[in-house]
Protein backbone atom coordinates (compact mmCIF):
# COMPACT_ATOMS: atom_id res chain seq x y z
CA MET A 1 25.50 -42.85 -94.61
CA ASP A 2 27.13 -43.15 -98.01
CA MET A 3 25.61 -45.97 -100.05
CA VAL A 4 25.25 -48.25 -97.02
CA GLN A 5 23.73 -51.59 -97.96
CA ASN A 6 21.66 -53.75 -95.63
CA THR A 7 19.88 -57.07 -96.10
CA ALA A 8 16.38 -57.58 -94.69
CA GLN A 9 15.34 -60.77 -92.92
CA CYS A 10 11.96 -62.48 -93.27
CA VAL A 11 9.94 -62.33 -90.03
CA TRP A 12 6.69 -63.79 -91.42
CA ASN A 13 6.70 -66.09 -94.43
CA ALA A 14 3.07 -65.29 -95.16
CA GLY A 15 3.12 -66.06 -98.88
CA ALA A 16 1.02 -62.96 -99.52
CA THR A 17 -0.34 -62.60 -103.02
CA LEU A 18 -0.03 -58.82 -102.74
CA GLY A 19 1.36 -57.74 -99.38
CA GLU A 20 0.98 -53.98 -98.90
CA GLY A 21 0.17 -51.07 -96.62
CA PRO A 22 2.35 -51.61 -93.51
CA VAL A 23 1.63 -49.23 -90.62
CA TRP A 24 3.14 -49.43 -87.13
CA SER A 25 0.87 -48.92 -84.13
CA VAL A 26 2.87 -47.21 -81.39
CA ARG A 27 0.11 -47.82 -78.84
CA GLU A 28 -0.05 -51.55 -79.64
CA GLN A 29 3.62 -52.05 -80.55
CA ALA A 30 2.43 -54.01 -83.56
CA LEU A 31 2.48 -53.75 -87.33
CA TYR A 32 -0.70 -53.91 -89.39
CA TRP A 33 -0.37 -54.84 -93.06
CA VAL A 34 -2.63 -56.23 -95.77
CA ASP A 35 -2.71 -58.88 -98.46
CA ILE A 36 -4.92 -57.02 -100.92
CA LEU A 37 -5.79 -59.80 -103.35
CA SER A 38 -6.29 -62.45 -100.65
CA HIS A 39 -8.61 -60.06 -98.74
CA CYS A 40 -6.56 -60.30 -95.51
CA LEU A 41 -5.55 -57.92 -92.75
CA HIS A 42 -2.47 -59.09 -90.82
CA ARG A 43 -1.11 -57.95 -87.46
CA TYR A 44 2.47 -58.70 -86.42
CA ALA A 45 3.34 -58.07 -82.75
CA PRO A 46 6.97 -59.15 -82.36
CA ASN A 47 7.01 -59.15 -78.55
CA ALA A 48 3.51 -60.45 -77.86
CA ALA A 49 2.56 -63.99 -76.88
CA GLN A 50 0.48 -64.14 -80.05
CA GLN A 51 2.77 -62.64 -82.66
CA LYS A 52 0.63 -63.19 -85.73
CA THR A 53 -3.08 -62.52 -86.23
CA THR A 54 -5.10 -62.47 -89.46
CA TRP A 55 -8.60 -61.22 -90.28
CA GLN A 56 -10.34 -62.33 -93.48
CA PHE A 57 -12.57 -59.93 -95.43
CA GLU A 58 -15.12 -60.52 -98.17
CA GLU A 59 -13.39 -58.09 -100.53
CA GLU A 60 -10.03 -56.45 -101.08
CA ILE A 61 -8.67 -54.52 -98.09
CA THR A 62 -6.03 -52.18 -99.43
CA SER A 63 -4.81 -49.76 -96.75
CA VAL A 64 -4.99 -49.22 -93.01
CA ALA A 65 -4.55 -46.30 -90.60
CA GLU A 66 -5.23 -46.01 -86.90
CA ARG A 67 -7.96 -43.78 -85.54
CA SER A 68 -6.85 -41.18 -82.99
CA GLU A 69 -10.01 -40.65 -80.97
CA ASN A 70 -12.14 -43.77 -81.06
CA GLY A 71 -9.64 -46.61 -81.32
CA GLY A 72 -9.58 -49.18 -84.05
CA LEU A 73 -8.75 -48.53 -87.69
CA ILE A 74 -9.92 -46.74 -90.78
CA ILE A 75 -9.46 -48.91 -93.86
CA THR A 76 -10.01 -48.76 -97.58
CA LEU A 77 -11.83 -51.65 -99.19
CA ARG A 78 -12.47 -52.20 -102.90
CA HIS A 79 -14.79 -49.22 -103.39
CA ARG A 80 -15.26 -47.68 -99.96
CA PHE A 81 -13.90 -46.29 -96.75
CA ALA A 82 -14.82 -48.13 -93.55
CA TYR A 83 -14.01 -48.35 -89.86
CA PHE A 84 -12.80 -51.69 -88.50
CA ASP A 85 -12.25 -52.62 -84.87
CA PRO A 86 -9.87 -55.59 -84.64
CA ALA A 87 -10.92 -56.24 -81.02
CA THR A 88 -14.60 -56.74 -81.86
CA GLU A 89 -14.27 -57.40 -85.62
CA LYS A 90 -16.99 -54.80 -86.20
CA LEU A 91 -16.94 -53.37 -89.74
CA GLU A 92 -18.70 -50.03 -90.27
CA PRO A 93 -18.93 -48.73 -93.86
CA ILE A 94 -18.46 -44.96 -94.17
CA LEU A 95 -18.49 -43.83 -97.79
CA GLY A 96 -18.40 -45.43 -101.22
CA VAL A 97 -16.41 -44.06 -104.17
CA GLU A 98 -16.28 -44.42 -107.94
CA SER A 99 -19.53 -46.32 -108.40
CA ASP A 100 -19.21 -45.33 -112.06
CA LEU A 101 -15.84 -47.13 -112.37
CA PRO A 102 -16.45 -50.80 -111.49
CA GLY A 103 -13.06 -51.73 -112.96
CA ASN A 104 -11.25 -49.65 -110.35
CA ARG A 105 -10.32 -50.39 -106.74
CA PHE A 106 -8.63 -48.57 -103.90
CA ASN A 107 -4.91 -49.16 -103.40
CA ASP A 108 -2.50 -47.36 -101.06
CA GLY A 109 -3.31 -44.70 -98.46
CA LYS A 110 -1.86 -42.73 -95.54
CA CYS A 111 -2.84 -39.97 -93.10
CA ASP A 112 -1.36 -36.50 -92.79
CA PRO A 113 -0.68 -34.81 -89.40
CA LEU A 114 -4.11 -33.16 -89.32
CA GLY A 115 -5.83 -36.53 -89.48
CA ARG A 116 -6.93 -36.58 -93.13
CA LEU A 117 -6.59 -39.81 -95.10
CA TRP A 118 -5.01 -39.59 -98.55
CA ALA A 119 -5.87 -42.67 -100.61
CA GLY A 120 -5.62 -43.59 -104.25
CA THR A 121 -7.61 -45.75 -106.64
CA MET A 122 -6.30 -47.74 -109.60
CA ASP A 123 -7.33 -49.85 -112.54
CA PHE A 124 -7.79 -53.47 -111.45
CA GLY A 125 -6.09 -54.49 -114.69
CA CYS A 126 -3.15 -52.17 -113.89
CA LYS A 127 -3.15 -50.57 -117.35
CA GLU A 128 -5.82 -47.88 -117.82
CA PRO A 129 -5.22 -44.38 -116.37
CA THR A 130 -8.48 -44.37 -114.42
CA GLY A 131 -7.00 -44.04 -110.91
CA SER A 132 -7.25 -40.92 -108.78
CA LEU A 133 -5.88 -39.53 -105.52
CA TYR A 134 -8.48 -38.58 -102.91
CA ARG A 135 -8.40 -36.62 -99.67
CA PHE A 136 -10.88 -37.87 -97.06
CA GLY A 137 -11.38 -35.69 -94.00
CA PRO A 138 -12.61 -36.31 -90.46
CA ASP A 139 -15.79 -34.47 -91.49
CA ARG A 140 -16.26 -37.24 -94.11
CA ALA A 141 -15.76 -34.75 -96.95
CA LEU A 142 -14.16 -36.34 -100.01
CA ALA A 143 -12.11 -34.42 -102.57
CA GLN A 144 -10.44 -35.68 -105.73
CA MET A 145 -6.93 -34.19 -105.71
CA ASP A 146 -5.31 -35.69 -108.83
CA SER A 147 -6.15 -38.21 -111.56
CA GLY A 148 -4.83 -40.13 -114.57
CA TYR A 149 -3.02 -42.98 -112.81
CA PRO A 150 -3.07 -46.67 -113.89
CA ILE A 151 -1.60 -47.65 -110.48
CA THR A 152 -1.40 -45.23 -107.53
CA ASN A 153 1.01 -45.68 -104.62
CA GLY A 154 1.98 -43.58 -101.63
CA PRO A 155 1.85 -40.93 -100.49
CA THR A 156 4.67 -39.86 -98.24
CA TRP A 157 5.82 -36.39 -97.24
CA SER A 158 9.02 -34.50 -96.63
CA ALA A 159 9.91 -34.23 -92.93
CA ASP A 160 8.62 -30.61 -92.85
CA TYR A 161 5.40 -31.56 -94.68
CA LYS A 162 5.99 -28.93 -97.34
CA THR A 163 6.27 -31.56 -100.09
CA MET A 164 4.09 -34.58 -100.85
CA TYR A 165 5.42 -37.45 -102.96
CA TYR A 166 3.11 -39.70 -104.96
CA ASN A 167 3.77 -42.55 -107.38
CA ASP A 168 2.53 -43.51 -110.82
CA THR A 169 3.85 -47.04 -110.44
CA PHE A 170 2.86 -48.29 -113.90
CA ASN A 171 4.89 -45.61 -115.67
CA GLY A 172 7.76 -45.65 -113.16
CA ARG A 173 7.17 -42.04 -112.14
CA MET A 174 7.48 -40.50 -108.70
CA TYR A 175 5.92 -37.05 -108.49
CA ALA A 176 6.45 -34.25 -106.00
CA PHE A 177 3.83 -31.64 -105.10
CA ASP A 178 3.99 -28.50 -103.01
CA PHE A 179 1.84 -29.36 -99.99
CA ASP A 180 -0.22 -26.90 -97.97
CA LEU A 181 -0.74 -28.75 -94.69
CA GLU A 182 -3.28 -26.38 -93.17
CA ARG A 183 -5.54 -26.34 -96.22
CA GLY A 184 -4.77 -29.86 -97.42
CA GLU A 185 -4.04 -28.60 -100.93
CA LEU A 186 -1.57 -29.68 -103.63
CA SER A 187 0.17 -27.53 -106.26
CA ASN A 188 3.19 -27.47 -108.58
CA LYS A 189 3.14 -31.13 -109.62
CA ARG A 190 6.53 -32.17 -111.00
CA LEU A 191 8.51 -35.29 -111.81
CA PHE A 192 10.84 -36.23 -108.93
CA LEU A 193 12.15 -39.59 -110.15
CA GLN A 194 11.81 -41.70 -113.28
CA LEU A 195 12.53 -45.38 -112.67
CA GLY A 196 12.17 -48.49 -114.80
CA GLY A 197 14.18 -51.38 -116.19
CA GLU A 198 16.57 -52.90 -113.64
CA GLU A 199 15.58 -50.22 -111.12
CA GLY A 200 12.02 -51.53 -111.06
CA ASN A 201 9.03 -49.27 -110.44
CA PRO A 202 8.35 -47.05 -107.41
CA ASP A 203 5.75 -48.55 -105.08
CA GLY A 204 4.96 -47.76 -101.43
CA MET A 205 7.22 -45.47 -99.42
CA THR A 206 7.91 -43.80 -96.09
CA THR A 207 9.96 -40.96 -94.59
CA ASP A 208 12.54 -41.08 -91.80
CA SER A 209 13.27 -38.54 -89.06
CA GLU A 210 16.16 -37.04 -91.06
CA GLY A 211 13.99 -36.48 -94.13
CA GLY A 212 15.17 -39.50 -96.11
CA ILE A 213 12.57 -41.00 -98.44
CA TRP A 214 12.48 -44.81 -98.47
CA ILE A 215 11.03 -46.23 -101.69
CA ALA A 216 10.02 -49.84 -102.34
CA GLN A 217 11.15 -50.71 -105.86
CA TRP A 218 8.83 -53.31 -107.41
CA GLY A 219 10.76 -55.72 -109.62
CA ALA A 220 14.18 -54.69 -108.28
CA SER A 221 14.51 -56.66 -105.00
CA LYS A 222 15.27 -53.56 -102.95
CA VAL A 223 14.25 -50.50 -101.00
CA THR A 224 16.30 -47.35 -101.48
CA ARG A 225 16.71 -44.31 -99.25
CA ARG A 226 16.85 -41.04 -101.21
CA ASP A 227 17.62 -37.44 -100.35
CA GLU A 228 15.64 -34.41 -101.52
CA THR A 229 17.38 -34.56 -104.90
CA GLY A 230 16.60 -38.23 -105.47
CA LYS A 231 20.18 -39.38 -104.83
CA ILE A 232 20.49 -42.87 -103.32
CA LEU A 233 21.90 -42.77 -99.78
CA GLN A 234 21.22 -46.34 -98.68
CA THR A 235 19.93 -49.62 -100.10
CA VAL A 236 18.16 -52.53 -98.42
CA THR A 237 18.23 -55.72 -100.48
CA LEU A 238 15.71 -58.56 -100.31
CA PRO A 239 15.67 -62.17 -101.59
CA CYS A 240 12.56 -61.59 -103.68
CA SER A 241 11.77 -59.24 -106.52
CA GLN A 242 8.35 -57.71 -105.95
CA ILE A 243 8.83 -55.18 -103.15
CA THR A 244 5.66 -53.27 -102.35
CA SER A 245 5.98 -50.95 -99.35
CA CYS A 246 7.80 -50.13 -96.13
CA ALA A 247 7.18 -48.56 -92.73
CA PHE A 248 9.22 -47.87 -89.62
CA GLY A 249 8.34 -49.67 -86.41
CA GLY A 250 9.77 -51.12 -83.22
CA PRO A 251 10.19 -49.46 -79.79
CA GLU A 252 12.47 -46.74 -81.18
CA LEU A 253 11.08 -46.74 -84.75
CA ARG A 254 14.41 -48.06 -86.05
CA THR A 255 13.05 -51.26 -87.59
CA LEU A 256 12.09 -50.93 -91.24
CA TYR A 257 9.32 -53.40 -92.08
CA ILE A 258 8.97 -54.28 -95.76
CA THR A 259 6.08 -55.98 -97.55
CA THR A 260 6.40 -58.08 -100.71
CA ALA A 261 4.22 -59.93 -103.21
CA ALA A 262 4.03 -63.28 -104.99
CA GLN A 263 1.48 -62.01 -107.52
CA GLY A 264 2.17 -63.08 -111.10
CA LEU A 265 5.29 -65.11 -110.39
CA THR A 266 5.62 -68.42 -112.25
CA GLN A 267 6.23 -71.70 -110.45
CA GLU A 268 9.85 -71.49 -111.55
CA GLN A 269 10.18 -67.97 -110.18
CA LEU A 270 8.51 -68.97 -106.92
CA SER A 271 10.99 -71.81 -106.52
CA GLN A 272 13.75 -69.21 -106.85
CA GLU A 273 11.94 -66.77 -104.52
CA PRO A 274 10.48 -68.98 -101.76
CA LEU A 275 10.01 -65.97 -99.46
CA ALA A 276 8.01 -63.91 -101.99
CA GLY A 277 4.97 -62.50 -100.22
CA GLY A 278 6.76 -62.46 -96.88
CA LEU A 279 7.08 -59.66 -94.35
CA PHE A 280 10.68 -58.56 -93.84
CA ALA A 281 12.50 -56.42 -91.28
CA VAL A 282 15.87 -54.71 -91.06
CA GLU A 283 17.38 -52.77 -88.14
CA LEU A 284 18.66 -49.30 -89.06
CA LYS A 285 20.59 -46.49 -87.38
CA VAL A 286 18.14 -43.84 -88.54
CA ALA A 287 14.70 -43.68 -86.90
CA GLY A 288 11.40 -43.28 -88.66
CA LEU A 289 8.44 -41.07 -87.85
CA ALA A 290 5.36 -42.29 -86.01
CA ALA A 291 2.46 -42.94 -88.36
CA ASN A 292 -0.21 -40.24 -88.39
CA ARG A 293 -3.68 -41.27 -87.22
CA PHE A 294 -7.07 -40.50 -88.70
CA LYS A 295 -8.86 -37.85 -86.65
CA GLY A 296 -12.07 -39.63 -85.86
């Protein structure tokens, strides 16, 4: 796959202010994703009679993961973890965070194979380095794992789970850590990629079954697939600039779903990017990995 280029197609022109956090439910054959700043959770089921469903929240909903044992979802809201059951619309708060940092909010999050949720906070103004990365376990124990981020995004892991990748989006930096899966510990933080300028900034990301890392590049109208050295192997282009995240879905996990944002675009820019904030999809030869579920 040398520098293959694909173009994604819009499957839901949702006009999301800040589309984010896509996660494919294998058991439902549907994609959950959020519009953080419009306080919405979306569900896209391409083969269902009702393809599109939306739930409205009273505050920002920033990331979503399925629960493995009790059904429903674990979500991050502005300042807390919570369970949410889409079938009953029951919302159950679990744990609040950063009560001393009212200017922060949660952003991206994802589970590891042992059912722990890794989620980051960020400065609502996207400038101050007040964001942190947290590990939240099935036993409801919370640990701060890293700090000093204006905007956190990720994580994703190498296919063997020996490396975790995490993004400082504001500064265009993608970090790699040695990852101890059994203990849930990080070490040896190092710079993996430095982006910026025409390359945009690294946002959400995912990993495929061959170990390729797919990175949404905010401001650059594309998602790139990288190898373990950071070399670009494949590019997916989009007709809008603010690309936020991606996740594999579909029956064989060969559909890459991509979220985008309309946040901050001028009327002139929106007229040039009428699909900004849409959900996109592209069919690929490589398959993704099934999303890990929260053990609880």
